[in-house]
C-alpha cells in the first residue's frame, strides 16, 4: 500500500543541533556556554512590558508589528518600508530563500558558519555552495566572489562569523560587493554586531543604503537577551523587505515578544553597559588563553572558538567535568560562549589543564 511522500530534498535536510544544557551537579553550579546566550537577566522595563502584554494573550498580536517597526525606524533612522520582522533572524534566512530561490538555485556562504544555513538552503530546494574559511577562521571573500555563477541567487556574509568569531571590515565588504552582480542578494548577517570591537567595522546601515542588493539581518536574541522570545528583523530596500514580509508566517512574532523588544530598545544605557561588560570578559578570556599558549581566531562575537579537530569531544568532556557545557562541532572545534565571570574562570582552567 502506498503512503504519502515528502518532496525528495526533505530527506537531505541536515538536523539542527542546539546547544545542550548542563546536567545538574550536586554542590556545583553548572553553566551553559553552548548557545551564545546573554547571561544577564532582561533589561530594565522589559519584564513589566512583557507582563502587561501577557494580560491580553487572548488577542492576536499585531501582524504588521507596527509599534515595533516604528521603534526600529526611529532607532536606526530607516523607513518602516525597509523593515521586516520575524521569529528570530534564523526565520529571516528561511523567508529570504523562500522568496528568492527556485529549486537548483545556488546560495554561497562560508563554511563553517551558522549551522542553520545549509538547513534552510536545503529546505528551499536550493543548492549550497560552501566556501572554506581561511585557516584563521575568516571569510575568504575573494573565493566567495569567485564561487558566484549564473545560478547564484543569494550570498551570505556572517559577520562576526558564528562559530569562529572573526568579523569582516567595511573595506573588505565594499571590495567584495564590487565583485558581486547587482542581481544577487547579499545577506550581511549581523546577529552579533553589538559585540564588535575592531578597526574599520562594518557599517551595515550605510552599506544597505549604498547597495540595493544588500539585506541586513539582526536579532534581539544575543545582546538584548531575548533569546526565549524569538525576535529578529531585516533592513533592506523596500522590494526585498516587502518580499520578506509577504512570505512571513502570519502573527509569527507574538504580542509579548514585540512588547519586550520595544522595551529593550528603550533601555539603551543598560544594554551598552552589559555589552561592554561582556566585551571586557571576552578580552579577559582571550588574554588568559593567549597567556596559556592558545592561538585562537579573532573573537568579535560573545564567544571564542577552539579549533581542536579530533580532540573536540575530549575538550567538551573536560568542560562537562568542570561544570560547563560548550558547543562541540565534531572533528572541527568547540565554540564557548562568554558567560558569567565564574563560568569564564572555569573555561580558562579547563583550557590550561587541557594543554595544546
Protein backbone atom coordinates (compact mmCIF):
# COMPACT_ATOMS: atom_id res chain seq x y z
CA UNK A 1 0.00 0.00 0.00
CA UNK A 2 1.34 3.40 -0.95
CA UNK A 3 1.85 6.20 1.58
CA UNK A 4 2.33 9.99 1.39
CA UNK A 5 5.79 11.01 0.25
CA UNK A 6 7.51 14.28 1.03
CA UNK A 7 9.48 16.17 -1.58
CA UNK A 8 12.75 14.37 -2.35
CA UNK A 9 15.04 17.02 -0.90
CA UNK A 10 13.37 16.89 2.53
CA UNK A 11 15.30 13.73 3.37
CA UNK A 12 18.55 15.62 2.74
CA UNK A 13 17.88 18.35 5.30
CA UNK A 14 20.59 18.17 7.99
CA UNK A 15 19.43 18.26 11.59
CA UNK A 16 19.96 21.39 13.66
CA UNK A 17 21.93 20.59 16.80
CA UNK A 18 21.06 23.04 19.60
CA UNK A 19 23.35 23.88 22.47
CA UNK A 20 22.81 21.35 25.24
CA UNK A 21 22.00 22.49 28.79
CA UNK A 22 24.29 21.33 31.61
CA UNK A 23 23.49 18.34 33.78
CA UNK A 24 22.74 19.44 37.36
CA UNK A 25 25.59 18.62 39.72
CA UNK A 26 25.28 18.32 43.48
CA UNK A 27 27.34 21.00 45.20
CA UNK A 28 28.49 22.58 41.92
CA UNK A 29 26.95 25.45 39.96
CA UNK A 30 26.89 24.48 36.31
CA UNK A 31 26.93 26.84 33.34
CA UNK A 32 25.50 26.60 29.84
CA UNK A 33 28.07 28.06 27.44
CA UNK A 34 26.77 26.24 24.39
CA UNK A 35 24.17 28.61 22.89
CA UNK A 36 25.71 32.12 22.91
CA UNK A 37 23.01 33.31 25.29
CA UNK A 38 23.31 36.52 27.27
CA UNK A 39 23.95 35.63 30.93
CA UNK A 40 22.23 38.80 32.18
CA UNK A 41 18.50 38.99 33.07
CA UNK A 42 16.13 41.05 30.90
CA UNK A 43 16.89 44.75 30.57
CA UNK A 44 15.08 47.26 32.83
CA UNK A 45 11.40 47.62 31.96
CA UNK A 46 11.26 44.50 29.80
CA UNK A 47 9.61 42.18 32.33
CA UNK A 48 6.98 44.81 33.14
CA UNK A 49 6.23 45.35 29.45
CA UNK A 50 6.03 41.61 28.79
CA UNK A 51 3.82 41.04 31.83
CA UNK A 52 1.42 43.75 30.69
CA UNK A 53 1.31 42.17 27.25
CA UNK A 54 0.56 38.74 28.72
CA UNK A 55 -2.67 40.14 30.16
CA UNK A 56 -4.13 40.32 26.64
CA UNK A 57 -2.89 36.96 25.40
CA UNK A 58 -6.45 36.16 24.32
CA UNK A 59 -5.97 38.61 21.44
CA UNK A 60 -3.93 38.11 18.31
CA UNK A 61 -0.70 40.11 18.02
CA UNK A 62 -0.33 42.99 15.61
CA UNK A 63 0.50 41.10 12.43
CA UNK A 64 2.08 44.23 10.98
CA UNK A 65 4.39 44.70 14.02
CA UNK A 66 3.65 48.41 13.59
CA UNK A 67 4.80 49.59 17.03
CA UNK A 68 8.00 47.56 16.73
CA UNK A 69 8.65 48.89 13.23
CA UNK A 70 8.11 52.46 14.45
CA UNK A 71 10.60 51.91 17.29
CA UNK A 72 13.19 50.33 14.98
CA UNK A 73 12.68 53.06 12.38
CA UNK A 74 13.35 55.74 14.97
CA UNK A 75 16.37 53.93 16.37
CA UNK A 76 18.03 53.10 13.04
CA UNK A 77 16.94 56.09 11.00
CA UNK A 78 15.40 53.95 8.27
CA UNK A 79 11.88 53.96 6.75
CA UNK A 80 9.34 51.48 8.05
CA UNK A 81 9.05 50.20 4.47
CA UNK A 82 12.64 48.90 4.77
CA UNK A 83 11.95 46.64 7.77
CA UNK A 84 10.76 43.05 8.14
CA UNK A 85 10.38 41.28 11.49
CA UNK A 86 10.44 37.55 12.09
CA UNK A 87 10.76 34.92 14.80
CA UNK A 88 14.50 35.42 15.23
CA UNK A 89 16.96 36.21 12.48
CA UNK A 90 17.07 32.49 11.64
CA UNK A 91 13.48 32.77 10.36
CA UNK A 92 14.61 35.54 8.04
CA UNK A 93 17.04 33.12 6.39
CA UNK A 94 14.17 30.75 5.59
CA UNK A 95 11.94 33.58 4.40
CA UNK A 96 14.57 35.08 2.12
CA UNK A 97 15.37 31.77 0.45
CA UNK A 98 11.67 31.00 0.11
CA UNK A 99 11.12 34.34 -1.59
CA UNK A 100 14.14 34.32 -3.92
CA UNK A 101 15.30 30.76 -4.63
CA UNK A 102 13.89 28.24 -7.05
CA UNK A 103 14.98 24.59 -6.87
CA UNK A 104 18.54 24.30 -8.11
CA UNK A 105 19.43 27.94 -7.47
CA UNK A 106 22.69 28.41 -5.59
CA UNK A 107 23.37 30.03 -2.23
CA UNK A 108 27.00 30.87 -1.49
CA UNK A 109 28.24 31.10 2.09
CA UNK A 110 31.38 30.48 4.11
CA UNK A 111 31.84 27.19 5.95
CA UNK A 112 31.95 26.54 8.75
CA UNK A 113 29.39 29.19 9.56
CA UNK A 114 25.92 29.36 11.11
CA UNK A 115 24.50 25.86 11.28
CA UNK A 116 21.06 26.92 10.04
CA UNK A 117 22.32 27.99 6.60
CA UNK A 118 22.59 24.53 5.00
CA UNK A 119 19.31 23.51 6.64
CA UNK A 120 17.45 26.49 5.22
CA UNK A 121 19.03 26.16 1.78
CA UNK A 122 18.09 22.50 1.52
CA UNK A 123 14.58 23.21 2.81
CA UNK A 124 14.12 25.72 -0.02
CA UNK A 125 15.27 23.12 -2.55
CA UNK A 126 18.26 25.27 -3.42
CA UNK A 127 21.91 24.21 -3.60
CA UNK A 128 24.55 25.12 -1.03
CA UNK A 129 27.92 26.37 -2.27
CA UNK A 130 30.15 26.26 0.79
CA UNK A 131 33.41 28.19 0.57
CA UNK A 132 36.03 27.15 3.14
CA UNK A 133 37.13 29.68 5.74
CA UNK A 134 40.73 30.77 5.84
CA UNK A 135 42.95 28.94 8.38
CA UNK A 136 42.34 31.72 10.91
CA UNK A 137 38.56 31.34 10.73
CA UNK A 138 37.81 34.27 8.41
CA UNK A 139 35.63 34.57 5.35
CA UNK A 140 37.60 34.14 2.13
CA UNK A 141 35.68 36.84 0.30
CA UNK A 142 37.67 36.57 -2.91
CA UNK A 143 36.95 32.85 -3.09
CA UNK A 144 33.28 33.53 -2.34
CA UNK A 145 33.12 36.04 -5.19
CA UNK A 146 34.77 33.51 -7.50
CA UNK A 147 32.14 30.92 -6.49
CA UNK A 148 29.27 33.02 -7.85
CA UNK A 149 27.76 31.59 -11.04
CA UNK A 150 24.74 32.31 -13.20
CA UNK A 151 22.73 30.11 -10.79
CA UNK A 152 23.65 32.14 -7.70
CA UNK A 153 20.70 33.96 -6.13
CA UNK A 154 21.99 34.71 -2.62
CA UNK A 155 25.35 35.16 -0.90
CA UNK A 156 25.57 35.21 2.89
CA UNK A 157 28.28 37.02 4.86
CA UNK A 158 28.09 36.17 8.56
CA UNK A 159 29.93 38.86 10.48
CA UNK A 160 31.07 38.18 13.12
CA UNK A 161 31.18 34.61 11.91
CA UNK A 162 29.41 32.03 14.05
CA UNK A 163 31.08 29.86 15.34
CA UNK A 164 34.66 31.01 14.65
CA UNK A 165 34.39 34.68 15.68
CA UNK A 166 36.19 36.96 13.16
CA UNK A 167 34.32 39.84 11.51
CA UNK A 168 34.89 41.37 8.11
CA UNK A 169 35.86 45.03 7.80
CA UNK A 170 33.93 47.67 5.90
CA UNK A 171 36.77 47.91 3.38
CA UNK A 172 36.69 44.15 2.81
CA UNK A 173 32.93 44.15 2.42
CA UNK A 174 32.97 47.02 -0.08
CA UNK A 175 35.66 45.30 -2.15
CA UNK A 176 33.56 42.14 -2.11
CA UNK A 177 30.34 43.90 -3.10
CA UNK A 178 32.15 45.41 -6.07
CA UNK A 179 32.63 41.87 -7.38
CA UNK A 180 29.03 40.69 -6.83
CA UNK A 181 26.50 41.13 -9.65
CA UNK A 182 23.77 43.54 -8.59
CA UNK A 183 21.01 40.97 -9.20
CA UNK A 184 22.50 38.70 -6.49
CA UNK A 185 21.25 39.36 -2.97
CA UNK A 186 23.95 39.74 -0.32
CA UNK A 187 22.85 38.96 3.22
CA UNK A 188 25.00 40.61 5.89
CA UNK A 189 24.10 38.56 8.96
CA UNK A 190 24.86 40.79 11.94
CA UNK A 191 23.48 38.73 14.82
CA UNK A 192 26.46 39.71 17.00
CA UNK A 193 27.02 43.25 15.71
CA UNK A 194 26.83 44.88 19.14
CA UNK A 195 29.91 42.98 20.33
CA UNK A 196 32.27 44.08 17.53
CA UNK A 197 35.34 45.97 18.79
CA UNK A 198 37.76 46.38 15.89
CA UNK A 199 39.13 48.89 13.44
CA UNK A 200 37.04 49.61 10.33
CA UNK A 201 33.92 47.74 11.47
CA UNK A 202 31.08 47.15 9.04
CA UNK A 203 28.53 49.96 8.93
CA UNK A 204 25.53 47.90 7.97
CA UNK A 205 23.06 50.75 7.65
CA UNK A 206 25.35 52.77 5.38
CA UNK A 207 26.04 49.65 3.31
CA UNK A 208 22.38 48.79 2.72
CA UNK A 209 21.71 52.42 1.74
CA UNK A 210 24.52 52.31 -0.82
CA UNK A 211 23.74 48.86 -2.21
CA UNK A 212 20.10 47.94 -3.02
CA UNK A 213 21.05 44.24 -3.18
CA UNK A 214 22.25 44.17 0.45
CA UNK A 215 19.96 42.99 3.25
CA UNK A 216 20.90 43.13 6.94
CA UNK A 217 19.78 40.51 9.43
CA UNK A 218 19.79 41.41 13.12
CA UNK A 219 18.34 39.89 16.29
CA UNK A 220 17.20 40.64 19.82
CA UNK A 221 18.41 37.20 20.96
CA UNK A 222 22.06 37.96 21.74
CA UNK A 223 23.00 41.39 23.08
CA UNK A 224 19.42 42.23 24.08
CA UNK A 225 18.94 38.91 25.89
CA UNK A 226 15.57 37.95 24.37
CA UNK A 227 16.58 34.53 23.02
CA UNK A 228 13.46 32.94 24.52
CA UNK A 229 11.10 35.36 22.75
CA UNK A 230 12.42 34.98 19.17
CA UNK A 231 12.52 38.42 17.58
CA UNK A 232 14.72 39.27 14.62
CA UNK A 233 14.49 41.87 11.89
CA UNK A 234 15.81 42.65 8.44
CA UNK A 235 16.77 46.02 6.97
CA UNK A 236 16.63 46.13 3.18
CA UNK A 237 15.41 48.06 0.18
CA UNK A 238 11.59 48.12 0.01
CA UNK A 239 11.22 45.36 -2.63
CA UNK A 240 13.36 42.97 -0.55
CA UNK A 241 11.77 43.87 2.78
CA UNK A 242 8.35 43.56 1.16
CA UNK A 243 9.17 40.08 -0.14
CA UNK A 244 10.27 39.01 3.34
CA UNK A 245 7.03 40.27 4.85
CA UNK A 246 4.99 38.60 2.09
CA UNK A 247 6.29 35.11 2.90
CA UNK A 248 6.34 35.54 6.68
CA UNK A 249 4.22 33.41 8.97
CA UNK A 250 1.09 35.40 9.87
CA UNK A 251 1.18 36.55 13.50
CA UNK A 252 4.62 34.98 13.81
CA UNK A 253 6.10 37.50 16.27
CA UNK A 254 3.96 37.33 19.39
CA UNK A 255 2.49 40.35 21.17
CA UNK A 256 4.62 39.62 24.22
CA UNK A 257 7.78 39.38 22.11
CA UNK A 258 7.02 42.66 20.35
CA UNK A 259 6.42 44.43 23.67
CA UNK A 260 9.66 43.05 25.11
CA UNK A 261 11.65 44.12 22.05
CA UNK A 262 10.24 47.66 22.15
CA UNK A 263 11.05 47.95 25.86
CA UNK A 264 14.56 46.65 25.19
CA UNK A 265 15.14 49.37 22.61
CA UNK A 266 14.32 51.95 25.29
CA UNK A 267 16.99 50.60 27.67
CA UNK A 268 19.99 51.72 25.64
CA UNK A 269 22.22 52.72 28.55
CA UNK A 270 21.74 49.42 30.37
CA UNK A 271 22.21 47.48 27.14
CA UNK A 272 25.53 49.13 26.36
CA UNK A 273 26.76 48.65 29.93
CA UNK A 274 26.07 44.92 29.67
CA UNK A 275 27.60 44.62 26.22
CA UNK A 276 30.73 46.43 27.42
CA UNK A 277 30.93 44.10 30.43
CA UNK A 278 30.71 41.05 28.16
CA UNK A 279 33.28 42.52 25.77
CA UNK A 280 35.53 43.08 28.77
CA UNK A 281 35.10 39.50 29.90
CA UNK A 282 35.81 38.35 26.34
CA UNK A 283 39.06 40.32 26.35
CA UNK A 284 39.99 38.81 29.73
CA UNK A 285 39.32 35.28 28.49
CA UNK A 286 41.21 35.82 25.23
CA UNK A 287 44.20 37.26 27.11
CA UNK A 288 44.19 34.37 29.56
CA UNK A 289 44.06 31.82 26.77
CA UNK A 290 46.86 33.56 24.89
CA UNK A 291 48.98 33.52 28.05
CA UNK A 292 48.35 29.78 28.25
CA UNK A 293 49.62 29.36 24.69
CA UNK A 294 46.33 29.18 22.80
CA UNK A 295 46.20 30.89 19.38
CA UNK A 296 42.52 31.47 18.68
CA UNK A 297 40.70 33.27 15.85
CA UNK A 298 39.88 36.91 16.49
CA UNK A 299 36.81 36.88 18.76
CA UNK A 300 34.32 39.59 17.78
CA UNK A 301 31.11 37.90 19.00
CA UNK A 302 30.18 36.85 22.52
CA UNK A 303 32.11 33.59 22.18
CA UNK A 304 35.52 32.11 21.45
CA UNK A 305 36.47 29.27 19.11
CA UNK A 306 38.86 26.41 19.84
CA UNK A 307 39.93 24.73 16.59
CA UNK A 308 40.60 21.34 18.17
CA UNK A 309 39.97 18.95 15.30
CA UNK A 310 39.78 15.37 16.53
CA UNK A 311 40.31 16.48 20.14
CA UNK A 312 36.99 18.36 20.21
CA UNK A 313 34.99 15.70 22.02
CA UNK A 314 37.73 15.33 24.61
CA UNK A 315 37.69 19.07 25.29
CA UNK A 316 33.89 19.08 25.60
CA UNK A 317 34.10 16.22 28.09
CA UNK A 318 36.70 18.11 30.13
CA UNK A 319 34.40 21.10 30.23
CA UNK A 320 31.48 18.98 31.36
CA UNK A 321 33.57 17.52 34.15
CA UNK A 322 34.27 21.10 35.30
CA UNK A 323 30.57 22.02 35.18
CA UNK A 324 30.48 23.91 31.89
CA UNK A 325 28.78 22.81 28.67
CA UNK A 326 30.33 24.03 25.41
CA UNK A 327 29.17 23.58 21.82
CA UNK A 328 31.29 20.95 20.07
CA UNK A 329 31.38 20.55 16.28
CA UNK A 330 32.64 17.01 15.80
CA UNK A 331 36.09 16.81 14.29
CA UNK A 332 36.38 20.59 13.94
CA UNK A 333 36.32 22.53 17.19
CA UNK A 334 34.32 23.90 20.09
CA UNK A 335 32.54 27.22 20.47
CA UNK A 336 32.43 28.57 24.01
CA UNK A 337 30.10 31.41 24.99
CA UNK A 338 31.35 34.25 27.17
CA UNK A 339 29.25 33.88 30.30
CA UNK A 340 29.38 34.83 33.95
CA UNK A 341 32.88 35.58 35.35
CA UNK A 342 32.89 32.30 37.31
CA UNK A 343 31.96 30.37 34.17
CA UNK A 344 34.73 32.12 32.26
CA UNK A 345 37.21 31.30 35.02
CA UNK A 346 36.35 27.63 34.57
CA UNK A 347 36.88 27.89 30.83
CA UNK A 348 40.35 29.24 31.46
CA UNK A 349 41.09 26.50 33.99
CA UNK A 350 39.88 23.77 31.62
CA UNK A 351 41.89 25.21 28.70
CA UNK A 352 45.07 25.45 30.81
CA UNK A 353 44.71 21.90 32.07
CA UNK A 354 43.79 20.53 28.65
CA UNK A 355 47.03 21.62 27.03
CA UNK A 356 47.77 22.40 23.41
